[in-house]
Amino acid sequence: MKTTIAILASGLLLASCQKKEEKTETTIEQPAATTVTEKQCYLKVIAKDSIIVQVERDGDSIHGIYHWKPFEKDKKISTYKGVMNGNTANVVASSQQEGMNYKEEVVFIITDKNLEVKFGEMVEGKDGVWKYKDMNATSKEVLDKVDCK
């Protein structure tokens, strides 16, 4: 019995010491996918008031600036971030107007030639973000696409 165990142990020892063929795989690393940010600008002038929207898109993410500049009044300056779903952008804008800072929901509809901004009655949500009270009761302002400066 001791001889059988010694022979088995020797066999296992010899088998484990033999050089095994190693497989080597060559992996070619692909460069990281580059993201293309698309920048577009839109403008609407009503009398002497103007609305300016700058849009930067990266896939379905969207961000930019949204300025409403009424003539001889306090302006509204906003930066926003959000998501595109088809041609509709749902964003949250951090806005400053008349010395107040607040966050508000804004909806843009973007086409090849223009951008629509939704306007309507807003209510403050539990999270502190002002939201449209009734999306079906909103109006829109259409801004024309212009060259970015």
C-alpha atoms as a PDB file:
ATOM      1  CA  MET A   1       0.000   0.000   0.000  1.00  0.00           C
ATOM      2  CA  LYS A   2       2.851   2.366   0.865  1.00  0.00           C
ATOM      3  CA  THR A   3       4.452   1.565  -2.460  1.00  0.00           C
ATOM      4  CA  THR A   4       1.275   2.342  -4.387  1.00  0.00           C
ATOM      5  CA  ILE A   5       0.895   5.707  -2.624  1.00  0.00           C
ATOM      6  CA  ALA A   6       4.565   6.522  -3.258  1.00  0.00           C
ATOM      7  CA  ILE A   7       4.192   5.672  -6.987  1.00  0.00           C
ATOM      8  CA  LEU A   8       1.025   7.812  -7.292  1.00  0.00           C
ATOM      9  CA  ALA A   9       2.662  10.713  -5.469  1.00  0.00           C
ATOM     10  CA  SER A  10       5.736  10.457  -7.726  1.00  0.00           C
ATOM     11  CA  GLY A  11       3.509  10.375 -10.797  1.00  0.00           C
ATOM     12  CA  LEU A  12       1.618  13.465  -9.679  1.00  0.00           C
ATOM     13  CA  LEU A  13       4.864  15.242  -8.883  1.00  0.00           C
ATOM     14  CA  LEU A  14       6.326  14.442 -12.298  1.00  0.00           C
ATOM     15  CA  ALA A  15       3.110  15.458 -14.052  1.00  0.00           C
ATOM     16  CA  SER A  16       3.016  18.794 -12.286  1.00  0.00           C
ATOM     17  CA  CYS A  17       6.661  19.534 -13.087  1.00  0.00           C
ATOM     18  CA  GLN A  18       6.293  19.024 -16.814  1.00  0.00           C
ATOM     19  CA  LYS A  19       6.331  22.198 -18.857  1.00  0.00           C
ATOM     20  CA  LYS A  20       2.870  23.051 -20.083  1.00  0.00           C
ATOM     21  CA  GLU A  21       2.281  24.848 -23.322  1.00  0.00           C
ATOM     22  CA  GLU A  22       1.169  28.382 -22.598  1.00  0.00           C
ATOM     23  CA  LYS A  23      -1.356  30.067 -24.790  1.00  0.00           C
ATOM     24  CA  THR A  24      -0.584  33.652 -25.520  1.00  0.00           C
ATOM     25  CA  GLU A  25      -3.169  35.932 -26.958  1.00  0.00           C
ATOM     26  CA  THR A  26      -2.306  39.217 -28.505  1.00  0.00           C
ATOM     27  CA  THR A  27      -4.852  41.844 -27.665  1.00  0.00           C
ATOM     28  CA  ILE A  28      -4.972  44.936 -29.773  1.00  0.00           C
ATOM     29  CA  GLU A  29      -6.378  47.777 -27.763  1.00  0.00           C
ATOM     30  CA  GLN A  30      -8.868  49.899 -29.573  1.00  0.00           C
ATOM     31  CA  PRO A  31      -8.610  53.639 -29.069  1.00  0.00           C
ATOM     32  CA  ALA A  32     -11.252  55.069 -26.793  1.00  0.00           C
ATOM     33  CA  ALA A  33     -14.332  56.165 -28.645  1.00  0.00           C
ATOM     34  CA  THR A  34     -14.128  59.840 -29.352  1.00  0.00           C
ATOM     35  CA  THR A  35     -17.157  61.879 -28.534  1.00  0.00           C
ATOM     36  CA  VAL A  36     -18.265  64.517 -30.935  1.00  0.00           C
ATOM     37  CA  THR A  37     -19.874  67.524 -29.361  1.00  0.00           C
ATOM     38  CA  GLU A  38     -22.195  69.331 -31.699  1.00  0.00           C
ATOM     39  CA  LYS A  39     -22.681  73.050 -31.004  1.00  0.00           C
ATOM     40  CA  GLN A  40     -25.655  75.018 -32.321  1.00  0.00           C
ATOM     41  CA  CYS A  41     -26.970  78.509 -31.641  1.00  0.00           C
ATOM     42  CA  TYR A  42     -30.458  79.987 -31.913  1.00  0.00           C
ATOM     43  CA  LEU A  43     -31.783  83.556 -31.717  1.00  0.00           C
ATOM     44  CA  LYS A  44     -35.136  85.329 -31.548  1.00  0.00           C
ATOM     45  CA  VAL A  45     -35.488  89.115 -31.490  1.00  0.00           C
ATOM     46  CA  ILE A  46     -38.893  90.497 -30.522  1.00  0.00           C
ATOM     47  CA  ALA A  47     -38.944  94.297 -30.735  1.00  0.00           C
ATOM     48  CA  LYS A  48     -35.765  95.008 -28.744  1.00  0.00           C
ATOM     49  CA  ASP A  49     -35.929  91.890 -26.579  1.00  0.00           C
ATOM     50  CA  SER A  50     -33.878  88.837 -27.502  1.00  0.00           C
ATOM     51  CA  ILE A  51     -33.730  85.168 -26.596  1.00  0.00           C
ATOM     52  CA  ILE A  52     -30.453  83.336 -27.185  1.00  0.00           C
ATOM     53  CA  VAL A  53     -29.973  79.586 -26.787  1.00  0.00           C
ATOM     54  CA  GLN A  54     -26.672  77.796 -27.249  1.00  0.00           C
ATOM     55  CA  VAL A  55     -26.911  74.009 -27.481  1.00  0.00           C
ATOM     56  CA  GLU A  56     -24.096  71.492 -27.118  1.00  0.00           C
ATOM     57  CA  ARG A  57     -25.002  67.865 -27.780  1.00  0.00           C
ATOM     58  CA  ASP A  58     -23.039  64.735 -27.052  1.00  0.00           C
ATOM     59  CA  GLY A  59     -25.161  61.742 -27.974  1.00  0.00           C
ATOM     60  CA  ASP A  60     -28.418  62.128 -26.082  1.00  0.00           C
ATOM     61  CA  SER A  61     -26.888  64.480 -23.490  1.00  0.00           C
ATOM     62  CA  ILE A  62     -27.456  68.189 -23.947  1.00  0.00           C
ATOM     63  CA  HIS A  63     -26.192  71.288 -22.166  1.00  0.00           C
ATOM     64  CA  GLY A  64     -25.648  74.960 -22.853  1.00  0.00           C
ATOM     65  CA  ILE A  65     -26.803  78.478 -22.113  1.00  0.00           C
ATOM     66  CA  TYR A  66     -30.232  80.068 -22.310  1.00  0.00           C
ATOM     67  CA  HIS A  67     -30.404  83.877 -22.083  1.00  0.00           C
ATOM     68  CA  TRP A  68     -33.496  85.998 -22.171  1.00  0.00           C
ATOM     69  CA  LYS A  69     -32.568  89.648 -22.570  1.00  0.00           C
ATOM     70  CA  PRO A  70     -35.522  92.002 -22.327  1.00  0.00           C
ATOM     71  CA  PHE A  71     -34.849  95.596 -23.376  1.00  0.00           C
ATOM     72  CA  GLU A  72     -34.287  97.923 -20.379  1.00  0.00           C
ATOM     73  CA  LYS A  73     -35.153  95.177 -17.870  1.00  0.00           C
ATOM     74  CA  ASP A  74     -33.297  92.637 -15.790  1.00  0.00           C
ATOM     75  CA  LYS A  75     -32.101  89.749 -17.917  1.00  0.00           C
ATOM     76  CA  LYS A  76     -32.450  86.053 -17.242  1.00  0.00           C
ATOM     77  CA  ILE A  77     -29.261  84.017 -17.524  1.00  0.00           C
ATOM     78  CA  SER A  78     -29.426  80.216 -17.386  1.00  0.00           C
ATOM     79  CA  THR A  79     -27.160  77.254 -17.846  1.00  0.00           C
ATOM     80  CA  TYR A  80     -28.825  73.926 -18.375  1.00  0.00           C
ATOM     81  CA  LYS A  81     -28.239  70.176 -18.603  1.00  0.00           C
ATOM     82  CA  GLY A  82     -30.576  67.469 -19.745  1.00  0.00           C
ATOM     83  CA  VAL A  83     -31.409  64.656 -22.103  1.00  0.00           C
ATOM     84  CA  MET A  84     -32.632  64.512 -25.697  1.00  0.00           C
ATOM     85  CA  ASN A  85     -35.455  62.141 -26.559  1.00  0.00           C
ATOM     86  CA  GLY A  86     -35.946  62.313 -30.320  1.00  0.00           C
ATOM     87  CA  ASN A  87     -36.011  66.022 -31.098  1.00  0.00           C
ATOM     88  CA  THR A  88     -37.240  67.050 -27.625  1.00  0.00           C
ATOM     89  CA  ALA A  89     -34.841  68.176 -24.912  1.00  0.00           C
ATOM     90  CA  ASN A  90     -35.969  68.033 -21.289  1.00  0.00           C
ATOM     91  CA  VAL A  91     -33.536  70.050 -19.221  1.00  0.00           C
ATOM     92  CA  VAL A  92     -33.128  71.609 -15.814  1.00  0.00           C
ATOM     93  CA  ALA A  93     -31.806  75.139 -15.982  1.00  0.00           C
ATOM     94  CA  SER A  94     -29.981  76.932 -13.190  1.00  0.00           C
ATOM     95  CA  SER A  95     -31.284  80.441 -13.662  1.00  0.00           C
ATOM     96  CA  GLN A  96     -30.598  83.888 -12.309  1.00  0.00           C
ATOM     97  CA  GLN A  97     -33.088  86.711 -12.747  1.00  0.00           C
ATOM     98  CA  GLU A  98     -33.763  89.892 -10.795  1.00  0.00           C
ATOM     99  CA  GLY A  99     -31.252  88.888  -8.127  1.00  0.00           C
ATOM    100  CA  MET A 100     -32.857  85.479  -7.547  1.00  0.00           C
ATOM    101  CA  ASN A 101     -31.300  82.066  -8.200  1.00  0.00           C
ATOM    102  CA  TYR A 102     -33.559  79.113  -8.929  1.00  0.00           C
ATOM    103  CA  LYS A 103     -33.831  75.886 -10.939  1.00  0.00           C
ATOM    104  CA  GLU A 104     -36.502  75.361 -13.540  1.00  0.00           C
ATOM    105  CA  GLU A 105     -37.653  72.782 -16.025  1.00  0.00           C
ATOM    106  CA  VAL A 106     -37.295  73.859 -19.662  1.00  0.00           C
ATOM    107  CA  VAL A 107     -38.377  72.001 -22.786  1.00  0.00           C
ATOM    108  CA  PHE A 108     -36.763  72.635 -26.163  1.00  0.00           C
ATOM    109  CA  ILE A 109     -37.863  71.102 -29.456  1.00  0.00           C
ATOM    110  CA  ILE A 110     -34.989  71.155 -31.938  1.00  0.00           C
ATOM    111  CA  THR A 111     -35.340  70.830 -35.710  1.00  0.00           C
ATOM    112  CA  ASP A 112     -32.865  71.368 -38.544  1.00  0.00           C
ATOM    113  CA  LYS A 113     -33.712  75.071 -38.844  1.00  0.00           C
ATOM    114  CA  ASN A 114     -35.023  76.211 -35.468  1.00  0.00           C
ATOM    115  CA  LEU A 115     -35.568  75.615 -31.781  1.00  0.00           C
ATOM    116  CA  GLU A 116     -38.840  75.979 -29.916  1.00  0.00           C
ATOM    117  CA  VAL A 117     -38.817  76.995 -26.247  1.00  0.00           C
ATOM    118  CA  LYS A 118     -41.880  76.103 -24.190  1.00  0.00           C
ATOM    119  CA  PHE A 119     -43.355  78.781 -21.917  1.00  0.00           C
ATOM    120  CA  GLY A 120     -46.144  78.360 -19.400  1.00  0.00           C
ATOM    121  CA  GLU A 121     -47.341  78.692 -15.840  1.00  0.00           C
ATOM    122  CA  MET A 122     -44.935  77.049 -13.424  1.00  0.00           C
ATOM    123  CA  VAL A 123     -45.205  75.641  -9.926  1.00  0.00           C
ATOM    124  CA  GLU A 124     -42.426  74.829  -7.497  1.00  0.00           C
ATOM    125  CA  GLY A 125     -41.897  71.094  -7.084  1.00  0.00           C
ATOM    126  CA  LYS A 126     -41.029  69.349  -3.828  1.00  0.00           C
ATOM    127  CA  ASP A 127     -37.419  69.144  -5.028  1.00  0.00           C
ATOM    128  CA  GLY A 128     -37.268  72.949  -5.377  1.00  0.00           C
ATOM    129  CA  VAL A 129     -37.308  72.846  -9.187  1.00  0.00           C
ATOM    130  CA  TRP A 130     -39.968  74.983 -10.892  1.00  0.00           C
ATOM    131  CA  LYS A 131     -41.960  72.827 -13.346  1.00  0.00           C
ATOM    132  CA  TYR A 132     -44.656  73.445 -15.922  1.00  0.00           C
ATOM    133  CA  LYS A 133     -48.049  73.295 -14.243  1.00  0.00           C
ATOM    134  CA  ASP A 134     -49.713  71.900 -17.376  1.00  0.00           C
ATOM    135  CA  MET A 135     -47.535  70.951 -20.372  1.00  0.00           C
ATOM    136  CA  ASN A 136     -50.613  71.005 -22.633  1.00  0.00           C
ATOM    137  CA  ALA A 137     -51.266  74.655 -21.737  1.00  0.00           C
ATOM    138  CA  THR A 138     -47.792  75.885 -22.724  1.00  0.00           C
ATOM    139  CA  SER A 139     -47.023  78.274 -25.549  1.00  0.00           C
ATOM    140  CA  LYS A 140     -43.859  78.322 -27.596  1.00  0.00           C
ATOM    141  CA  GLU A 141     -41.365  80.787 -28.938  1.00  0.00           C
ATOM    142  CA  VAL A 142     -39.547  79.776 -32.133  1.00  0.00           C
ATOM    143  CA  LEU A 143     -35.873  80.747 -32.421  1.00  0.00           C
ATOM    144  CA  ASP A 144     -34.028  80.641 -35.726  1.00  0.00           C
ATOM    145  CA  LYS A 145     -30.730  78.798 -36.097  1.00  0.00           C
ATOM    146  CA  VAL A 146     -27.799  81.209 -36.403  1.00  0.00           C
ATOM    147  CA  ASP A 147     -24.019  80.937 -36.599  1.00  0.00           C
ATOM    148  CA  CYS A 148     -22.367  80.609 -33.194  1.00  0.00           C
ATOM    149  CA  LYS A 149     -20.015  83.484 -32.369  1.00  0.00           C
END
